[in-house]
Amino acid sequence: MRASRREREGTLTSTDRTLIIQQFRFDLNNQYQVIELDAKLAETAGLLVGQYPLRAYDAVQLASVLKIQPAFSTEQPISLIFLT
């Protein structure tokens, strides 16, 4: 984690590092949907690599958003924002 490196280098205090990690964990648990890599997702990623000039991890990320995209219809007030 970059915060740990910055603490070692002396550009970030231990307290600030702890606060950054706490905020990240809070956001991860409350604002984001984590997609687990399973066999079907890996298979979809493999198909995407065959169709498009993607690197493997890029294909996994794209397959992840394609997996959850149907849950976000245009009629819902929540829009899909994809972060990677």
C-alpha atoms as a PDB file:
ATOM      1  CA  MET A   1       0.000   0.000   0.000  1.00  0.00           C
ATOM      2  CA  ARG A   2       1.297   3.398  -0.928  1.00  0.00           C
ATOM      3  CA  ALA A   3       0.505   4.861   2.521  1.00  0.00           C
ATOM      4  CA  SER A   4       2.853   2.353   4.153  1.00  0.00           C
ATOM      5  CA  ARG A   5       5.645   3.307   1.786  1.00  0.00           C
ATOM      6  CA  ARG A   6       5.068   6.997   2.460  1.00  0.00           C
ATOM      7  CA  GLU A   7       5.196   6.346   6.201  1.00  0.00           C
ATOM      8  CA  ARG A   8       8.531   4.515   5.820  1.00  0.00           C
ATOM      9  CA  GLU A   9       9.872   7.395   3.739  1.00  0.00           C
ATOM     10  CA  GLY A  10       8.798   9.892   6.398  1.00  0.00           C
ATOM     11  CA  THR A  11       6.324  11.834   4.247  1.00  0.00           C
ATOM     12  CA  LEU A  12       3.295  10.542   6.166  1.00  0.00           C
ATOM     13  CA  THR A  13       2.785  10.176   9.903  1.00  0.00           C
ATOM     14  CA  SER A  14       1.706   6.911  11.481  1.00  0.00           C
ATOM     15  CA  THR A  15      -1.532   8.570  12.598  1.00  0.00           C
ATOM     16  CA  ASP A  16      -2.316   9.817   9.084  1.00  0.00           C
ATOM     17  CA  ARG A  17      -1.557   6.365   7.643  1.00  0.00           C
ATOM     18  CA  THR A  18      -3.969   4.778  10.124  1.00  0.00           C
ATOM     19  CA  LEU A  19      -6.692   7.310   9.243  1.00  0.00           C
ATOM     20  CA  ILE A  20      -6.218   6.701   5.517  1.00  0.00           C
ATOM     21  CA  ILE A  21      -6.519   2.934   5.961  1.00  0.00           C
ATOM     22  CA  GLN A  22      -9.616   3.302   8.186  1.00  0.00           C
ATOM     23  CA  GLN A  23     -11.285   5.550   5.598  1.00  0.00           C
ATOM     24  CA  PHE A  24     -10.441   3.125   2.786  1.00  0.00           C
ATOM     25  CA  ARG A  25     -11.908   0.178   4.724  1.00  0.00           C
ATOM     26  CA  PHE A  26     -15.049   2.157   5.536  1.00  0.00           C
ATOM     27  CA  ASP A  27     -15.525   3.107   1.885  1.00  0.00           C
ATOM     28  CA  LEU A  28     -14.813  -0.447   0.734  1.00  0.00           C
ATOM     29  CA  ASN A  29     -17.450  -1.856   3.073  1.00  0.00           C
ATOM     30  CA  ASN A  30     -20.098   0.807   2.516  1.00  0.00           C
ATOM     31  CA  GLN A  31     -19.753   2.287  -0.955  1.00  0.00           C
ATOM     32  CA  TYR A  32     -18.314  -0.353  -3.243  1.00  0.00           C
ATOM     33  CA  GLN A  33     -19.382  -3.743  -4.488  1.00  0.00           C
ATOM     34  CA  VAL A  34     -16.451  -6.131  -4.619  1.00  0.00           C
ATOM     35  CA  ILE A  35     -16.701  -8.744  -7.365  1.00  0.00           C
ATOM     36  CA  GLU A  36     -15.083 -12.090  -6.556  1.00  0.00           C
ATOM     37  CA  LEU A  37     -13.064 -13.786  -9.269  1.00  0.00           C
ATOM     38  CA  ASP A  38     -14.732 -17.133  -9.957  1.00  0.00           C
ATOM     39  CA  ALA A  39     -14.508 -19.642 -12.807  1.00  0.00           C
ATOM     40  CA  LYS A  40     -17.295 -18.023 -14.845  1.00  0.00           C
ATOM     41  CA  LEU A  41     -15.744 -14.566 -14.533  1.00  0.00           C
ATOM     42  CA  ALA A  42     -12.343 -15.944 -15.563  1.00  0.00           C
ATOM     43  CA  GLU A  43     -13.951 -17.630 -18.562  1.00  0.00           C
ATOM     44  CA  THR A  44     -15.623 -14.381 -19.616  1.00  0.00           C
ATOM     45  CA  ALA A  45     -12.296 -12.572 -19.252  1.00  0.00           C
ATOM     46  CA  GLY A  46     -10.670 -15.204 -21.460  1.00  0.00           C
ATOM     47  CA  LEU A  47     -13.291 -14.651 -24.136  1.00  0.00           C
ATOM     48  CA  LEU A  48     -12.724 -10.892 -23.972  1.00  0.00           C
ATOM     49  CA  VAL A  49      -8.963 -11.359 -24.437  1.00  0.00           C
ATOM     50  CA  GLY A  50      -9.741 -13.414 -27.539  1.00  0.00           C
ATOM     51  CA  GLN A  51     -12.010 -10.707 -28.952  1.00  0.00           C
ATOM     52  CA  TYR A  52     -10.167  -7.521 -27.999  1.00  0.00           C
ATOM     53  CA  PRO A  53      -6.541  -6.449 -27.523  1.00  0.00           C
ATOM     54  CA  LEU A  54      -6.752  -6.560 -23.720  1.00  0.00           C
ATOM     55  CA  ARG A  55      -4.271  -7.588 -21.082  1.00  0.00           C
ATOM     56  CA  ALA A  56      -5.457 -10.342 -18.765  1.00  0.00           C
ATOM     57  CA  TYR A  57      -6.136  -8.138 -15.735  1.00  0.00           C
ATOM     58  CA  ASP A  58      -7.895  -5.542 -17.879  1.00  0.00           C
ATOM     59  CA  ALA A  59     -10.132  -8.312 -19.203  1.00  0.00           C
ATOM     60  CA  VAL A  60     -10.921  -9.471 -15.646  1.00  0.00           C
ATOM     61  CA  GLN A  61     -11.917  -5.922 -14.706  1.00  0.00           C
ATOM     62  CA  LEU A  62     -14.103  -5.551 -17.790  1.00  0.00           C
ATOM     63  CA  ALA A  63     -15.711  -8.951 -17.181  1.00  0.00           C
ATOM     64  CA  SER A  64     -16.486  -7.819 -13.626  1.00  0.00           C
ATOM     65  CA  VAL A  65     -18.391  -4.751 -14.736  1.00  0.00           C
ATOM     66  CA  LEU A  66     -20.223  -6.757 -17.399  1.00  0.00           C
ATOM     67  CA  LYS A  67     -21.284  -9.187 -14.666  1.00  0.00           C
ATOM     68  CA  ILE A  68     -22.980  -6.521 -12.545  1.00  0.00           C
ATOM     69  CA  GLN A  69     -24.142  -4.183 -15.320  1.00  0.00           C
ATOM     70  CA  PRO A  70     -27.595  -5.815 -15.686  1.00  0.00           C
ATOM     71  CA  ALA A  71     -28.402  -4.844 -12.095  1.00  0.00           C
ATOM     72  CA  PHE A  72     -28.222  -1.183 -13.119  1.00  0.00           C
ATOM     73  CA  SER A  73     -31.078  -0.367 -15.433  1.00  0.00           C
ATOM     74  CA  THR A  74     -31.626   3.095 -16.851  1.00  0.00           C
ATOM     75  CA  GLU A  75     -34.792   3.348 -14.742  1.00  0.00           C
ATOM     76  CA  GLN A  76     -32.929   3.197 -11.421  1.00  0.00           C
ATOM     77  CA  PRO A  77     -31.853   6.420  -9.706  1.00  0.00           C
ATOM     78  CA  ILE A  78     -28.388   4.924  -9.073  1.00  0.00           C
ATOM     79  CA  SER A  79     -25.897   4.919 -11.921  1.00  0.00           C
ATOM     80  CA  LEU A  80     -23.041   2.474 -12.363  1.00  0.00           C
ATOM     81  CA  ILE A  81     -19.610   3.947 -11.712  1.00  0.00           C
ATOM     82  CA  PHE A  82     -16.765   1.573 -12.475  1.00  0.00           C
ATOM     83  CA  LEU A  83     -13.513   2.085 -10.562  1.00  0.00           C
ATOM     84  CA  THR A  84     -10.390   0.020 -10.956  1.00  0.00           C
END
